[in-house]
C-alpha atoms as a PDB file:
ATOM      1  CA  UNK A   1       0.430  13.236 -11.728  1.00  0.00           C
ATOM      2  CA  UNK A   2       0.714  11.098  -8.804  1.00  0.00           C
ATOM      3  CA  UNK A   3       4.316  10.404  -7.369  1.00  0.00           C
ATOM      4  CA  UNK A   4       4.655   7.059  -5.613  1.00  0.00           C
ATOM      5  CA  UNK A   5       8.061   5.295  -5.154  1.00  0.00           C
ATOM      6  CA  UNK A   6       6.458   2.145  -3.642  1.00  0.00           C
ATOM      7  CA  UNK A   7       8.496   2.063  -0.693  1.00  0.00           C
ATOM      8  CA  UNK A   8       7.295   0.588   2.671  1.00  0.00           C
ATOM      9  CA  UNK A   9       5.588   3.321   4.840  1.00  0.00           C
ATOM     10  CA  UNK A  10       7.159   3.928   8.244  1.00  0.00           C
ATOM     11  CA  UNK A  11       6.155   6.128  11.089  1.00  0.00           C
ATOM     12  CA  UNK A  12       7.921   8.026  14.145  1.00  0.00           C
ATOM     13  CA  UNK A  13       7.820  10.815  16.588  1.00  0.00           C
ATOM     14  CA  UNK A  14       9.572  14.125  16.983  1.00  0.00           C
ATOM     15  CA  UNK A  15       9.764  14.702  20.749  1.00  0.00           C
ATOM     16  CA  UNK A  16      11.030  17.908  22.275  1.00  0.00           C
ATOM     17  CA  UNK A  17      14.437  17.973  23.675  1.00  0.00           C
ATOM     18  CA  UNK A  18      13.630  20.733  26.206  1.00  0.00           C
ATOM     19  CA  UNK A  19      15.133  20.006  29.696  1.00  0.00           C
ATOM     20  CA  UNK A  20      11.972  21.280  31.438  1.00  0.00           C
ATOM     21  CA  UNK A  21       9.827  18.974  29.513  1.00  0.00           C
ATOM     22  CA  UNK A  22      11.780  15.830  30.048  1.00  0.00           C
ATOM     23  CA  UNK A  23       8.931  13.759  31.757  1.00  0.00           C
ATOM     24  CA  UNK A  24       6.629  14.522  28.822  1.00  0.00           C
ATOM     25  CA  UNK A  25       9.473  13.620  26.248  1.00  0.00           C
ATOM     26  CA  UNK A  26       9.890  10.219  27.820  1.00  0.00           C
ATOM     27  CA  UNK A  27       6.188   9.816  27.903  1.00  0.00           C
ATOM     28  CA  UNK A  28       5.996  10.490  24.200  1.00  0.00           C
ATOM     29  CA  UNK A  29       8.920   8.000  23.460  1.00  0.00           C
ATOM     30  CA  UNK A  30       7.575   5.301  25.577  1.00  0.00           C
ATOM     31  CA  UNK A  31       4.146   5.672  23.664  1.00  0.00           C
ATOM     32  CA  UNK A  32       5.903   5.376  20.406  1.00  0.00           C
ATOM     33  CA  UNK A  33       7.766   2.199  21.650  1.00  0.00           C
ATOM     34  CA  UNK A  34       4.628   0.578  23.017  1.00  0.00           C
ATOM     35  CA  UNK A  35       2.656   1.550  19.907  1.00  0.00           C
ATOM     36  CA  UNK A  36       5.039  -0.071  17.554  1.00  0.00           C
ATOM     37  CA  UNK A  37       6.248   3.033  15.736  1.00  0.00           C
ATOM     38  CA  UNK A  38       9.642   3.020  13.761  1.00  0.00           C
ATOM     39  CA  UNK A  39      11.448   6.138  14.493  1.00  0.00           C
ATOM     40  CA  UNK A  40      12.427   8.811  16.973  1.00  0.00           C
ATOM     41  CA  UNK A  41      13.803  12.038  15.384  1.00  0.00           C
ATOM     42  CA  UNK A  42      15.300  14.710  17.611  1.00  0.00           C
ATOM     43  CA  UNK A  43      16.241  18.254  16.537  1.00  0.00           C
ATOM     44  CA  UNK A  44      19.675  19.606  17.003  1.00  0.00           C
ATOM     45  CA  UNK A  45      20.057  23.185  18.054  1.00  0.00           C
ATOM     46  CA  UNK A  46      22.867  23.303  20.524  1.00  0.00           C
ATOM     47  CA  UNK A  47      22.660  27.110  21.037  1.00  0.00           C
ATOM     48  CA  UNK A  48      19.023  26.689  22.269  1.00  0.00           C
ATOM     49  CA  UNK A  49      19.510  27.142  26.119  1.00  0.00           C
ATOM     50  CA  UNK A  50      16.421  25.092  26.934  1.00  0.00           C
ATOM     51  CA  UNK A  51      17.623  22.214  25.046  1.00  0.00           C
ATOM     52  CA  UNK A  52      19.509  19.225  26.212  1.00  0.00           C
ATOM     53  CA  UNK A  53      22.416  18.063  24.108  1.00  0.00           C
ATOM     54  CA  UNK A  54      20.820  16.210  21.316  1.00  0.00           C
ATOM     55  CA  UNK A  55      23.494  13.455  21.020  1.00  0.00           C
ATOM     56  CA  UNK A  56      23.361  12.684  24.773  1.00  0.00           C
ATOM     57  CA  UNK A  57      19.471  12.457  24.645  1.00  0.00           C
ATOM     58  CA  UNK A  58      19.685  10.184  21.588  1.00  0.00           C
ATOM     59  CA  UNK A  59      22.161   7.791  23.463  1.00  0.00           C
ATOM     60  CA  UNK A  60      19.702   7.627  26.428  1.00  0.00           C
ATOM     61  CA  UNK A  61      16.742   7.084  24.214  1.00  0.00           C
ATOM     62  CA  UNK A  62      18.500   4.104  22.578  1.00  0.00           C
ATOM     63  CA  UNK A  63      19.483   2.791  25.993  1.00  0.00           C
ATOM     64  CA  UNK A  64      15.858   3.060  27.261  1.00  0.00           C
ATOM     65  CA  UNK A  65      14.101   1.423  24.283  1.00  0.00           C
ATOM     66  CA  UNK A  66      14.480  -1.884  22.445  1.00  0.00           C
ATOM     67  CA  UNK A  67      13.110  -1.424  19.019  1.00  0.00           C
ATOM     68  CA  UNK A  68      12.826   2.216  17.988  1.00  0.00           C
ATOM     69  CA  UNK A  69      15.296   3.587  15.675  1.00  0.00           C
ATOM     70  CA  UNK A  70      16.777   6.989  16.315  1.00  0.00           C
ATOM     71  CA  UNK A  71      18.215   9.897  14.293  1.00  0.00           C
ATOM     72  CA  UNK A  72      19.093  13.421  14.543  1.00  0.00           C
ATOM     73  CA  UNK A  73      16.379  15.499  12.848  1.00  0.00           C
ATOM     74  CA  UNK A  74      19.007  16.966  11.612  1.00  0.00           C
ATOM     75  CA  UNK A  75      22.510  17.154  13.115  1.00  0.00           C
ATOM     76  CA  UNK A  76      23.769  20.773  13.176  1.00  0.00           C
ATOM     77  CA  UNK A  77      26.921  20.370  11.079  1.00  0.00           C
ATOM     78  CA  UNK A  78      28.568  23.833  11.694  1.00  0.00           C
ATOM     79  CA  UNK A  79      28.890  23.028  15.494  1.00  0.00           C
ATOM     80  CA  UNK A  80      29.657  19.414  15.221  1.00  0.00           C
ATOM     81  CA  UNK A  81      32.992  18.346  13.258  1.00  0.00           C
ATOM     82  CA  UNK A  82      32.016  15.565  10.766  1.00  0.00           C
ATOM     83  CA  UNK A  83      34.861  13.263  11.975  1.00  0.00           C
ATOM     84  CA  UNK A  84      33.330  13.377  15.449  1.00  0.00           C
ATOM     85  CA  UNK A  85      29.749  13.018  14.027  1.00  0.00           C
ATOM     86  CA  UNK A  86      31.029   9.848  12.308  1.00  0.00           C
ATOM     87  CA  UNK A  87      32.569   8.448  15.457  1.00  0.00           C
ATOM     88  CA  UNK A  88      29.473   9.261  17.507  1.00  0.00           C
ATOM     89  CA  UNK A  89      26.987   7.875  15.054  1.00  0.00           C
ATOM     90  CA  UNK A  90      28.945   4.580  14.475  1.00  0.00           C
ATOM     91  CA  UNK A  91      29.252   4.224  18.257  1.00  0.00           C
ATOM     92  CA  UNK A  92      25.575   4.684  18.809  1.00  0.00           C
ATOM     93  CA  UNK A  93      24.791   2.159  16.034  1.00  0.00           C
ATOM     94  CA  UNK A  94      27.161  -0.433  17.629  1.00  0.00           C
ATOM     95  CA  UNK A  95      25.803   0.090  21.198  1.00  0.00           C
ATOM     96  CA  UNK A  96      22.208  -0.194  19.987  1.00  0.00           C
ATOM     97  CA  UNK A  97      22.698  -3.106  17.721  1.00  0.00           C
ATOM     98  CA  UNK A  98      21.921  -1.157  14.458  1.00  0.00           C
ATOM     99  CA  UNK A  99      19.155   1.151  15.409  1.00  0.00           C
ATOM    100  CA  UNK A 100      20.835   4.497  14.526  1.00  0.00           C
ATOM    101  CA  UNK A 101      20.498   6.613  11.256  1.00  0.00           C
ATOM    102  CA  UNK A 102      22.225   9.958  10.609  1.00  0.00           C
ATOM    103  CA  UNK A 103      20.285  13.202   9.529  1.00  0.00           C
ATOM    104  CA  UNK A 104      22.525  16.104   8.489  1.00  0.00           C
ATOM    105  CA  UNK A 105      21.771  19.735   7.993  1.00  0.00           C
ATOM    106  CA  UNK A 106      24.064  22.415   6.569  1.00  0.00           C
ATOM    107  CA  UNK A 107      23.141  24.905   9.263  1.00  0.00           C
ATOM    108  CA  UNK A 108      20.977  27.877   9.867  1.00  0.00           C
ATOM    109  CA  UNK A 109      20.548  30.590  12.470  1.00  0.00           C
ATOM    110  CA  UNK A 110      24.091  31.691  11.740  1.00  0.00           C
ATOM    111  CA  UNK A 111      24.121  34.387  14.412  1.00  0.00           C
ATOM    112  CA  UNK A 112      23.373  31.860  17.108  1.00  0.00           C
ATOM    113  CA  UNK A 113      26.003  29.420  15.668  1.00  0.00           C
ATOM    114  CA  UNK A 114      28.614  32.132  15.510  1.00  0.00           C
ATOM    115  CA  UNK A 115      27.876  33.221  18.991  1.00  0.00           C
ATOM    116  CA  UNK A 116      28.639  29.620  20.289  1.00  0.00           C
ATOM    117  CA  UNK A 117      32.014  29.557  18.363  1.00  0.00           C
ATOM    118  CA  UNK A 118      30.822  28.060  15.037  1.00  0.00           C
ATOM    119  CA  UNK A 119      31.614  29.544  11.544  1.00  0.00           C
ATOM    120  CA  UNK A 120      29.319  31.942   9.877  1.00  0.00           C
ATOM    121  CA  UNK A 121      28.800  30.451   6.202  1.00  0.00           C
ATOM    122  CA  UNK A 122      27.177  31.803   3.080  1.00  0.00           C
ATOM    123  CA  UNK A 123      24.603  29.368   1.588  1.00  0.00           C
ATOM    124  CA  UNK A 124      27.229  28.330  -1.015  1.00  0.00           C
ATOM    125  CA  UNK A 125      29.704  27.645   1.740  1.00  0.00           C
ATOM    126  CA  UNK A 126      27.299  25.741   4.015  1.00  0.00           C
ATOM    127  CA  UNK A 127      26.387  23.545   0.982  1.00  0.00           C
ATOM    128  CA  UNK A 128      29.977  22.932   0.046  1.00  0.00           C
ATOM    129  CA  UNK A 129      30.845  22.093   3.758  1.00  0.00           C
ATOM    130  CA  UNK A 130      27.848  19.591   3.979  1.00  0.00           C
ATOM    131  CA  UNK A 131      28.945  17.716   0.749  1.00  0.00           C
ATOM    132  CA  UNK A 132      32.615  17.564   2.194  1.00  0.00           C
ATOM    133  CA  UNK A 133      31.220  16.217   5.566  1.00  0.00           C
ATOM    134  CA  UNK A 134      29.520  13.392   3.691  1.00  0.00           C
ATOM    135  CA  UNK A 135      32.747  12.385   2.200  1.00  0.00           C
ATOM    136  CA  UNK A 136      34.536  12.735   5.527  1.00  0.00           C
ATOM    137  CA  UNK A 137      31.909  10.600   7.421  1.00  0.00           C
ATOM    138  CA  UNK A 138      31.987   7.835   4.764  1.00  0.00           C
ATOM    139  CA  UNK A 139      35.753   7.618   4.750  1.00  0.00           C
ATOM    140  CA  UNK A 140      35.626   7.255   8.633  1.00  0.00           C
ATOM    141  CA  UNK A 141      33.172   4.427   8.132  1.00  0.00           C
ATOM    142  CA  UNK A 142      35.340   2.668   5.575  1.00  0.00           C
ATOM    143  CA  UNK A 143      37.424  -0.354   5.898  1.00  0.00           C
ATOM    144  CA  UNK A 144      40.661   1.492   4.792  1.00  0.00           C
ATOM    145  CA  UNK A 145      43.587   1.356   7.040  1.00  0.00           C
ATOM    146  CA  UNK A 146      43.927   5.204   6.974  1.00  0.00           C
ATOM    147  CA  UNK A 147      42.245   7.990   5.236  1.00  0.00           C
ATOM    148  CA  UNK A 148      43.001  11.399   4.089  1.00  0.00           C
ATOM    149  CA  UNK A 149      40.898  14.345   2.735  1.00  0.00           C
ATOM    150  CA  UNK A 150      41.765  17.759   1.859  1.00  0.00           C
ATOM    151  CA  UNK A 151      38.895  20.060   1.362  1.00  0.00           C
ATOM    152  CA  UNK A 152      38.099  23.649   1.811  1.00  0.00           C
ATOM    153  CA  UNK A 153      36.167  23.112   5.131  1.00  0.00           C
ATOM    154  CA  UNK A 154      37.554  19.725   6.469  1.00  0.00           C
ATOM    155  CA  UNK A 155      40.729  17.801   6.379  1.00  0.00           C
ATOM    156  CA  UNK A 156      41.802  14.293   7.277  1.00  0.00           C
ATOM    157  CA  UNK A 157      45.599  13.629   7.687  1.00  0.00           C
ATOM    158  CA  UNK A 158      45.990   9.909   7.903  1.00  0.00           C
ATOM    159  CA  UNK A 159      43.210   9.074  10.354  1.00  0.00           C
ATOM    160  CA  UNK A 160      42.562   5.433  10.939  1.00  0.00           C
ATOM    161  CA  UNK A 161      38.765   4.764  10.470  1.00  0.00           C
ATOM    162  CA  UNK A 162      36.605   2.943  13.025  1.00  0.00           C
ATOM    163  CA  UNK A 163      34.438   1.755  14.456  1.00  0.00           C
ATOM    164  CA  UNK A 164      32.178   0.959  11.570  1.00  0.00           C
ATOM    165  CA  UNK A 165      28.442   0.956  11.900  1.00  0.00           C
ATOM    166  CA  UNK A 166      26.861  -2.461  12.351  1.00  0.00           C
ATOM    167  CA  UNK A 167      24.345  -1.948   9.622  1.00  0.00           C
ATOM    168  CA  UNK A 168      24.315   0.117   6.299  1.00  0.00           C
ATOM    169  CA  UNK A 169      23.572   3.377   8.040  1.00  0.00           C
ATOM    170  CA  UNK A 170      21.753   5.927   5.925  1.00  0.00           C
ATOM    171  CA  UNK A 171      22.717   9.622   5.669  1.00  0.00           C
ATOM    172  CA  UNK A 172      19.656  11.641   5.281  1.00  0.00           C
ATOM    173  CA  UNK A 173      19.871  15.300   4.379  1.00  0.00           C
ATOM    174  CA  UNK A 174      17.501  18.018   5.705  1.00  0.00           C
ATOM    175  CA  UNK A 175      17.840  20.478   2.660  1.00  0.00           C
ATOM    176  CA  UNK A 176      15.528  22.407   0.505  1.00  0.00           C
ATOM    177  CA  UNK A 177      17.471  24.260  -2.259  1.00  0.00           C
ATOM    178  CA  UNK A 178      17.694  22.999  -5.756  1.00  0.00           C
ATOM    179  CA  UNK A 179      21.531  22.187  -5.746  1.00  0.00           C
ATOM    180  CA  UNK A 180      21.378  20.251  -2.571  1.00  0.00           C
ATOM    181  CA  UNK A 181      18.223  18.526  -3.642  1.00  0.00           C
ATOM    182  CA  UNK A 182      20.092  17.164  -6.650  1.00  0.00           C
ATOM    183  CA  UNK A 183      23.001  16.108  -4.293  1.00  0.00           C
ATOM    184  CA  UNK A 184      20.503  14.112  -2.128  1.00  0.00           C
ATOM    185  CA  UNK A 185      19.861  11.984  -5.324  1.00  0.00           C
ATOM    186  CA  UNK A 186      23.524  11.733  -6.032  1.00  0.00           C
ATOM    187  CA  UNK A 187      25.069  11.014  -2.659  1.00  0.00           C
ATOM    188  CA  UNK A 188      22.441  10.656   0.028  1.00  0.00           C
ATOM    189  CA  UNK A 189      20.256   7.883   1.345  1.00  0.00           C
ATOM    190  CA  UNK A 190      17.328  10.013   2.414  1.00  0.00           C
ATOM    191  CA  UNK A 191      15.720  13.371   2.529  1.00  0.00           C
ATOM    192  CA  UNK A 192      14.195  15.012   5.560  1.00  0.00           C
ATOM    193  CA  UNK A 193      11.986  18.055   4.982  1.00  0.00           C
ATOM    194  CA  UNK A 194       9.184  19.493   7.142  1.00  0.00           C
ATOM    195  CA  UNK A 195       5.589  19.939   6.010  1.00  0.00           C
ATOM    196  CA  UNK A 196       5.745  23.605   7.276  1.00  0.00           C
ATOM    197  CA  UNK A 197       8.627  24.324   4.823  1.00  0.00           C
ATOM    198  CA  UNK A 198       8.003  21.913   2.195  1.00  0.00           C
ATOM    199  CA  UNK A 199       4.123  21.718   1.713  1.00  0.00           C
ATOM    200  CA  UNK A 200       2.709  19.159  -0.680  1.00  0.00           C
ATOM    201  CA  UNK A 201       2.449  21.794  -3.372  1.00  0.00           C
ATOM    202  CA  UNK A 202       6.260  22.062  -3.479  1.00  0.00           C
ATOM    203  CA  UNK A 203       7.061  18.383  -3.289  1.00  0.00           C
ATOM    204  CA  UNK A 204       6.813  17.438  -7.056  1.00  0.00           C
ATOM    205  CA  UNK A 205       9.424  19.999  -8.103  1.00  0.00           C
ATOM    206  CA  UNK A 206      11.634  18.872  -5.093  1.00  0.00           C
ATOM    207  CA  UNK A 207      11.251  15.199  -5.934  1.00  0.00           C
ATOM    208  CA  UNK A 208      12.004  16.056  -9.602  1.00  0.00           C
ATOM    209  CA  UNK A 209      15.408  17.490  -8.623  1.00  0.00           C
ATOM    210  CA  UNK A 210      16.275  14.588  -6.356  1.00  0.00           C
ATOM    211  CA  UNK A 211      15.437  12.097  -8.942  1.00  0.00           C
ATOM    212  CA  UNK A 212      17.472  13.938 -11.510  1.00  0.00           C
ATOM    213  CA  UNK A 213      20.408  13.796  -9.280  1.00  0.00           C
ATOM    214  CA  UNK A 214      19.894  10.107  -8.684  1.00  0.00           C
ATOM    215  CA  UNK A 215      19.508   9.258 -12.468  1.00  0.00           C
ATOM    216  CA  UNK A 216      22.619  11.195 -13.320  1.00  0.00           C
ATOM    217  CA  UNK A 217      24.537   9.186 -10.750  1.00  0.00           C
ATOM    218  CA  UNK A 218      23.076   5.832 -11.998  1.00  0.00           C
ATOM    219  CA  UNK A 219      20.994   5.385  -8.837  1.00  0.00           C
ATOM    220  CA  UNK A 220      17.400   4.308  -8.404  1.00  0.00           C
ATOM    221  CA  UNK A 221      15.320   7.271  -7.022  1.00  0.00           C
ATOM    222  CA  UNK A 222      13.222   4.815  -5.199  1.00  0.00           C
ATOM    223  CA  UNK A 223      16.247   3.863  -3.093  1.00  0.00           C
ATOM    224  CA  UNK A 224      16.094   7.212  -1.403  1.00  0.00           C
ATOM    225  CA  UNK A 225      13.919   7.440   1.759  1.00  0.00           C
ATOM    226  CA  UNK A 226      11.646  10.556   1.918  1.00  0.00           C
ATOM    227  CA  UNK A 227      10.854  11.523   5.581  1.00  0.00           C
ATOM    228  CA  UNK A 228       8.204  14.145   6.344  1.00  0.00           C
ATOM    229  CA  UNK A 229       8.252  15.937   9.633  1.00  0.00           C
ATOM    230  CA  UNK A 230       4.602  16.938  10.546  1.00  0.00           C
ATOM    231  CA  UNK A 231       3.102  18.890  13.372  1.00  0.00           C
ATOM    232  CA  UNK A 232      -0.549  19.012  14.207  1.00  0.00           C
ATOM    233  CA  UNK A 233      -3.395  17.970  16.617  1.00  0.00           C
ATOM    234  CA  UNK A 234      -5.258  14.662  15.948  1.00  0.00           C
ATOM    235  CA  UNK A 235      -8.919  15.139  16.829  1.00  0.00           C
ATOM    236  CA  UNK A 236      -8.845  18.976  17.010  1.00  0.00           C
ATOM    237  CA  UNK A 237     -12.002  20.555  15.314  1.00  0.00           C
ATOM    238  CA  UNK A 238     -10.859  21.934  11.999  1.00  0.00           C
ATOM    239  CA  UNK A 239     -12.689  25.231  12.234  1.00  0.00           C
ATOM    240  CA  UNK A 240     -10.461  27.949  13.817  1.00  0.00           C
ATOM    241  CA  UNK A 241      -7.103  26.260  13.191  1.00  0.00           C
ATOM    242  CA  UNK A 242      -4.361  27.487  10.954  1.00  0.00           C
ATOM    243  CA  UNK A 243      -2.715  24.230  10.626  1.00  0.00           C
ATOM    244  CA  UNK A 244      -4.059  22.218   7.562  1.00  0.00           C
ATOM    245  CA  UNK A 245      -3.197  19.014   9.355  1.00  0.00           C
ATOM    246  CA  UNK A 246      -5.476  19.635  12.403  1.00  0.00           C
ATOM    247  CA  UNK A 247      -8.403  17.438  12.531  1.00  0.00           C
ATOM    248  CA  UNK A 248     -10.036  14.064  13.267  1.00  0.00           C
ATOM    249  CA  UNK A 249      -8.411  10.678  12.694  1.00  0.00           C
ATOM    250  CA  UNK A 250     -10.006  10.264   9.399  1.00  0.00           C
ATOM    251  CA  UNK A 251      -8.354  13.529   8.048  1.00  0.00           C
ATOM    252  CA  UNK A 252      -4.997  12.514   9.209  1.00  0.00           C
ATOM    253  CA  UNK A 253      -5.466   9.158   7.507  1.00  0.00           C
ATOM    254  CA  UNK A 254      -6.706  10.813   4.213  1.00  0.00           C
ATOM    255  CA  UNK A 255      -3.687  13.286   4.291  1.00  0.00           C
ATOM    256  CA  UNK A 256      -0.924  10.764   5.062  1.00  0.00           C
ATOM    257  CA  UNK A 257      -2.245   8.398   2.435  1.00  0.00           C
ATOM    258  CA  UNK A 258      -2.161  11.127  -0.055  1.00  0.00           C
ATOM    259  CA  UNK A 259       1.342  12.213   0.914  1.00  0.00           C
ATOM    260  CA  UNK A 260       2.498   8.603   0.321  1.00  0.00           C
ATOM    261  CA  UNK A 261       0.642   7.705  -2.898  1.00  0.00           C
ATOM    262  CA  UNK A 262       0.262  11.019  -4.650  1.00  0.00           C
ATOM    263  CA  UNK A 263       3.247  13.021  -3.232  1.00  0.00           C
ATOM    264  CA  UNK A 264       6.089  10.573  -2.802  1.00  0.00           C
ATOM    265  CA  UNK A 265       6.767  10.616   0.939  1.00  0.00           C
ATOM    266  CA  UNK A 266       7.295   7.374   2.818  1.00  0.00           C
ATOM    267  CA  UNK A 267       8.130   8.060   6.413  1.00  0.00           C
ATOM    268  CA  UNK A 268       5.985  10.323   8.663  1.00  0.00           C
ATOM    269  CA  UNK A 269       7.359  11.710  11.827  1.00  0.00           C
ATOM    270  CA  UNK A 270       4.849  13.294  14.197  1.00  0.00           C
ATOM    271  CA  UNK A 271       5.517  16.357  16.422  1.00  0.00           C
ATOM    272  CA  UNK A 272       2.654  15.610  18.923  1.00  0.00           C
ATOM    273  CA  UNK A 273       0.642  18.587  19.979  1.00  0.00           C
ATOM    274  CA  UNK A 274       1.589  19.803  23.352  1.00  0.00           C
ATOM    275  CA  UNK A 275       4.115  16.960  23.659  1.00  0.00           C
ATOM    276  CA  UNK A 276       1.144  14.734  24.352  1.00  0.00           C
ATOM    277  CA  UNK A 277       1.722  10.997  24.774  1.00  0.00           C
ATOM    278  CA  UNK A 278      -2.076  10.403  24.260  1.00  0.00           C
ATOM    279  CA  UNK A 279      -1.703  12.024  20.767  1.00  0.00           C
ATOM    280  CA  UNK A 280       1.023   9.449  20.032  1.00  0.00           C
ATOM    281  CA  UNK A 281      -1.195   6.676  21.301  1.00  0.00           C
ATOM    282  CA  UNK A 282      -4.016   7.749  18.902  1.00  0.00           C
ATOM    283  CA  UNK A 283      -1.521   8.046  16.055  1.00  0.00           C
ATOM    284  CA  UNK A 284      -0.064   4.553  16.716  1.00  0.00           C
ATOM    285  CA  UNK A 285      -3.394   2.893  17.313  1.00  0.00           C
ATOM    286  CA  UNK A 286      -5.655   4.620  14.864  1.00  0.00           C
ATOM    287  CA  UNK A 287      -3.882   6.561  12.242  1.00  0.00           C
ATOM    288  CA  UNK A 288      -0.835   4.384  11.400  1.00  0.00           C
ATOM    289  CA  UNK A 289      -2.771   0.958  10.739  1.00  0.00           C
ATOM    290  CA  UNK A 290      -5.361   2.893   8.792  1.00  0.00           C
ATOM    291  CA  UNK A 291      -2.776   4.629   6.641  1.00  0.00           C
ATOM    292  CA  UNK A 292      -1.047   1.352   5.878  1.00  0.00           C
ATOM    293  CA  UNK A 293      -4.094  -0.345   4.682  1.00  0.00           C
ATOM    294  CA  UNK A 294      -5.246   2.661   2.619  1.00  0.00           C
ATOM    295  CA  UNK A 295      -1.931   2.794   0.899  1.00  0.00           C
ATOM    296  CA  UNK A 296      -1.904  -0.908   0.227  1.00  0.00           C
ATOM    297  CA  UNK A 297      -5.413  -0.767  -1.270  1.00  0.00           C
ATOM    298  CA  UNK A 298      -4.326   2.283  -3.279  1.00  0.00           C
ATOM    299  CA  UNK A 299      -1.189   0.511  -4.688  1.00  0.00           C
ATOM    300  CA  UNK A 300      -3.331  -2.542  -5.581  1.00  0.00           C
END
């Protein structure tokens, strides 16, 4: 059974936030901007000593570009209070003229999070905290004069919201478990898995849970963006590679088209091999237009 929600197909890049690779990071982002790609997604692991702060990097990316939209892929909630996430995200949206989206994660690498002063949460606690955070963020983006929230993990005690995002900002969840997949459908605007952890054979069951949550909430499942983080080499000989995506342009076109019209994904974010700007150029010039055309033909 093919899964296709009929959404417009978008593309982006997933550059490294490593401080020592900053020159390559800028080259990747500039290639994405020149090539007409849509998004830059940046991972958020504050305990990683080699990484720049994700929010500082995202602000700089927005300042250095004119059209790319930026999102944390995904924000590390246990180390970032949701009230400040709401303020930071709305501020970046205002400053960029509406080019920011918000990806959120429940957390992982608990030992590293705890070492940096964050909480160690069980899977259930992490899920509960993520759902509370969504409520907190949306309250602080609201037009209410003041807001209150009394949760197990987060509280607001008469805070005045603001500023508001300048566009209808999406909240995209980087989750994999059955409960949170249903919550994507119920309360979120997008889903952000990675190919390495949610391969195509797993996608139908995951979509089913998202769609179930959406339908129970009276929402259209097609309103939910489905972002796929992909890593691989474009042009690398297929023999000898453990990565099923490695291969020539034609293979990438075939696979991404399949992911769109058979497996329900609509936004493809490339982690370029070796942080290569040339890989991004090939992706933008050869893979992206061919996938758009192949999806158009398949849908006809």
